Amino acid sequence: MELKGKIEKILEVETGISKAGKEWSKQSLVIKTEDDFNNLVCVSAFGDKVKKLRDLKIGMAMTILCNVYSREYNGKYYHNIDGYHFTINSNNELSDKDMVTFDDDENLPF
């Protein structure tokens, strides 16, 4: 899924240790899209993607490629939006031209 918008909020980095004993880190961004309704979307980045987000600023226009999925727990469904490719616009407007990417294609999930 492709998501375009401006950064509304940058949340703190979260860290922890998985059940398998591996360290993990996660950072979330709240993006405001150009939609009329329900235009705030929280997208999470994991692992090495967190380091690449440290130079972002509130108000920057960007495009994010993300995976959207749901999981069931005790009869309720919980949704996740995980970003895997983040692109910022060099002139800070929502446009497909002059896009600058800061992700490597080797880490794509497919």
C-alpha atoms as a PDB file:
ATOM      1  CA  MET A   1       0.000   0.000   0.000  1.00  0.00           C
ATOM      2  CA  GLU A   2       1.243   3.511  -0.784  1.00  0.00           C
ATOM      3  CA  LEU A   3       0.572   6.332   1.661  1.00  0.00           C
ATOM      4  CA  LYS A   4       1.251  10.008   0.895  1.00  0.00           C
ATOM      5  CA  GLY A   5       1.086  12.836   3.392  1.00  0.00           C
ATOM      6  CA  LYS A   6       2.942  15.141   5.746  1.00  0.00           C
ATOM      7  CA  ILE A   7       4.462  14.164   9.072  1.00  0.00           C
ATOM      8  CA  GLU A   8       2.146  15.298  11.861  1.00  0.00           C
ATOM      9  CA  LYS A   9       3.955  13.667  14.805  1.00  0.00           C
ATOM     10  CA  ILE A  10       7.104  11.622  15.420  1.00  0.00           C
ATOM     11  CA  LEU A  11       6.762   9.240  18.343  1.00  0.00           C
ATOM     12  CA  GLU A  12       9.591   8.090  20.611  1.00  0.00           C
ATOM     13  CA  VAL A  13      11.659   5.025  19.768  1.00  0.00           C
ATOM     14  CA  GLU A  14      10.491   1.884  21.581  1.00  0.00           C
ATOM     15  CA  THR A  15      12.863  -0.993  22.354  1.00  0.00           C
ATOM     16  CA  GLY A  16      12.590  -4.412  23.909  1.00  0.00           C
ATOM     17  CA  ILE A  17      13.578  -8.054  23.799  1.00  0.00           C
ATOM     18  CA  SER A  18      11.522 -10.651  21.944  1.00  0.00           C
ATOM     19  CA  LYS A  19      10.491 -14.048  23.345  1.00  0.00           C
ATOM     20  CA  ALA A  20      13.374 -15.479  21.310  1.00  0.00           C
ATOM     21  CA  GLY A  21      15.807 -13.193  23.164  1.00  0.00           C
ATOM     22  CA  LYS A  22      16.525 -10.806  20.283  1.00  0.00           C
ATOM     23  CA  GLU A  23      16.564  -7.031  20.732  1.00  0.00           C
ATOM     24  CA  TRP A  24      14.106  -5.002  18.678  1.00  0.00           C
ATOM     25  CA  SER A  25      13.390  -1.317  18.094  1.00  0.00           C
ATOM     26  CA  LYS A  26      10.355   0.444  16.663  1.00  0.00           C
ATOM     27  CA  GLN A  27       9.467   4.037  15.851  1.00  0.00           C
ATOM     28  CA  SER A  28       6.114   5.341  14.661  1.00  0.00           C
ATOM     29  CA  LEU A  29       5.170   8.370  12.587  1.00  0.00           C
ATOM     30  CA  VAL A  30       1.729   9.937  12.353  1.00  0.00           C
ATOM     31  CA  ILE A  31       1.079  10.993   8.768  1.00  0.00           C
ATOM     32  CA  LYS A  32      -1.664  13.422   7.765  1.00  0.00           C
ATOM     33  CA  THR A  33      -2.988  12.500   4.323  1.00  0.00           C
ATOM     34  CA  GLU A  34      -4.924  14.740   1.951  1.00  0.00           C
ATOM     35  CA  ASP A  35      -8.128  12.754   2.532  1.00  0.00           C
ATOM     36  CA  ASP A  36     -11.158  14.643   3.855  1.00  0.00           C
ATOM     37  CA  PHE A  37     -11.976  12.186   6.655  1.00  0.00           C
ATOM     38  CA  ASN A  38      -9.886   9.828   8.804  1.00  0.00           C
ATOM     39  CA  ASN A  39      -6.725  11.443   7.487  1.00  0.00           C
ATOM     40  CA  LEU A  40      -4.318  10.614  10.351  1.00  0.00           C
ATOM     41  CA  VAL A  41      -2.433   7.321   9.926  1.00  0.00           C
ATOM     42  CA  CYS A  42       0.198   5.903  12.281  1.00  0.00           C
ATOM     43  CA  VAL A  43       2.958   3.983  10.458  1.00  0.00           C
ATOM     44  CA  SER A  44       5.641   1.988  12.288  1.00  0.00           C
ATOM     45  CA  ALA A  45       9.233   1.321  11.270  1.00  0.00           C
ATOM     46  CA  PHE A  46      11.280  -1.536  12.711  1.00  0.00           C
ATOM     47  CA  GLY A  47      14.946  -2.426  13.075  1.00  0.00           C
ATOM     48  CA  ASP A  48      17.400  -0.674  10.764  1.00  0.00           C
ATOM     49  CA  LYS A  49      14.606   1.545   9.374  1.00  0.00           C
ATOM     50  CA  VAL A  50      14.482   3.404  12.726  1.00  0.00           C
ATOM     51  CA  LYS A  51      17.988   4.824  12.162  1.00  0.00           C
ATOM     52  CA  LYS A  52      16.942   6.146   8.766  1.00  0.00           C
ATOM     53  CA  LEU A  53      14.038   8.104  10.279  1.00  0.00           C
ATOM     54  CA  ARG A  54      16.096  10.156  12.749  1.00  0.00           C
ATOM     55  CA  ASP A  55      16.543  13.123  10.367  1.00  0.00           C
ATOM     56  CA  LEU A  56      12.828  13.549   9.652  1.00  0.00           C
ATOM     57  CA  LYS A  57      11.018  16.680  10.816  1.00  0.00           C
ATOM     58  CA  ILE A  58       7.365  17.464  11.467  1.00  0.00           C
ATOM     59  CA  GLY A  59       5.733  18.911   8.348  1.00  0.00           C
ATOM     60  CA  MET A  60       7.893  17.038   5.824  1.00  0.00           C
ATOM     61  CA  ALA A  61       5.989  15.611   2.850  1.00  0.00           C
ATOM     62  CA  MET A  62       6.646  11.960   2.150  1.00  0.00           C
ATOM     63  CA  THR A  63       5.488   8.761   0.522  1.00  0.00           C
ATOM     64  CA  ILE A  64       5.573   5.498   2.454  1.00  0.00           C
ATOM     65  CA  LEU A  65       5.192   1.984   1.091  1.00  0.00           C
ATOM     66  CA  CYS A  66       3.717  -0.168   3.819  1.00  0.00           C
ATOM     67  CA  ASN A  67       2.204  -3.509   4.706  1.00  0.00           C
ATOM     68  CA  VAL A  68      -1.245  -3.399   6.299  1.00  0.00           C
ATOM     69  CA  TYR A  69      -2.392  -6.455   8.232  1.00  0.00           C
ATOM     70  CA  SER A  70      -4.609  -7.579  11.097  1.00  0.00           C
ATOM     71  CA  ARG A  71      -4.212 -10.142  13.858  1.00  0.00           C
ATOM     72  CA  GLU A  72      -6.887 -11.749  15.999  1.00  0.00           C
ATOM     73  CA  TYR A  73      -6.573 -11.962  19.782  1.00  0.00           C
ATOM     74  CA  ASN A  74      -9.417 -13.168  22.013  1.00  0.00           C
ATOM     75  CA  GLY A  75     -12.007 -12.537  19.306  1.00  0.00           C
ATOM     76  CA  LYS A  76     -10.854  -8.985  18.544  1.00  0.00           C
ATOM     77  CA  TYR A  77      -8.790  -7.825  15.581  1.00  0.00           C
ATOM     78  CA  TYR A  78      -5.815  -5.496  15.885  1.00  0.00           C
ATOM     79  CA  HIS A  79      -4.319  -3.688  12.901  1.00  0.00           C
ATOM     80  CA  ASN A  80      -0.717  -2.874  12.077  1.00  0.00           C
ATOM     81  CA  ILE A  81       0.742  -0.611   9.406  1.00  0.00           C
ATOM     82  CA  ASP A  82       4.450  -1.326   8.934  1.00  0.00           C
ATOM     83  CA  GLY A  83       6.458   0.950   6.649  1.00  0.00           C
ATOM     84  CA  TYR A  84       9.261  -0.639   4.641  1.00  0.00           C
ATOM     85  CA  HIS A  85      10.196   2.089   2.108  1.00  0.00           C
ATOM     86  CA  PHE A  86      10.198   5.779   3.068  1.00  0.00           C
ATOM     87  CA  THR A  87      10.601   8.557   0.482  1.00  0.00           C
ATOM     88  CA  ILE A  88      10.781  12.287   1.166  1.00  0.00           C
ATOM     89  CA  ASN A  89      10.253  15.030  -1.392  1.00  0.00           C
ATOM     90  CA  SER A  90      13.301  17.250  -1.886  1.00  0.00           C
ATOM     91  CA  ASN A  91      11.200  20.434  -2.172  1.00  0.00           C
ATOM     92  CA  ASN A  92       8.839  19.291   0.607  1.00  0.00           C
ATOM     93  CA  GLU A  93       5.650  19.172  -1.442  1.00  0.00           C
ATOM     94  CA  LEU A  94       3.404  16.224  -2.166  1.00  0.00           C
ATOM     95  CA  SER A  95       4.513  15.376  -5.693  1.00  0.00           C
ATOM     96  CA  ASP A  96       5.969  12.371  -7.498  1.00  0.00           C
ATOM     97  CA  LYS A  97       8.716  14.400  -9.160  1.00  0.00           C
ATOM     98  CA  ASP A  98      12.049  15.031  -7.457  1.00  0.00           C
ATOM     99  CA  MET A  99      11.459  12.312  -4.865  1.00  0.00           C
ATOM    100  CA  VAL A 100      14.501  11.310  -2.841  1.00  0.00           C
ATOM    101  CA  THR A 101      14.627   7.844  -1.323  1.00  0.00           C
ATOM    102  CA  PHE A 102      16.558   6.776   1.758  1.00  0.00           C
ATOM    103  CA  ASP A 103      15.965   3.052   1.766  1.00  0.00           C
ATOM    104  CA  ASP A 104      17.817   0.183   0.190  1.00  0.00           C
ATOM    105  CA  ASP A 105      15.962  -2.352  -1.929  1.00  0.00           C
ATOM    106  CA  GLU A 106      17.748  -5.289  -0.304  1.00  0.00           C
ATOM    107  CA  ASN A 107      15.436  -5.141   2.728  1.00  0.00           C
ATOM    108  CA  LEU A 108      12.138  -5.350   0.837  1.00  0.00           C
ATOM    109  CA  PRO A 109       9.845  -8.049   2.222  1.00  0.00           C
ATOM    110  CA  PHE A 110       9.396  -9.752  -1.176  1.00  0.00           C
END
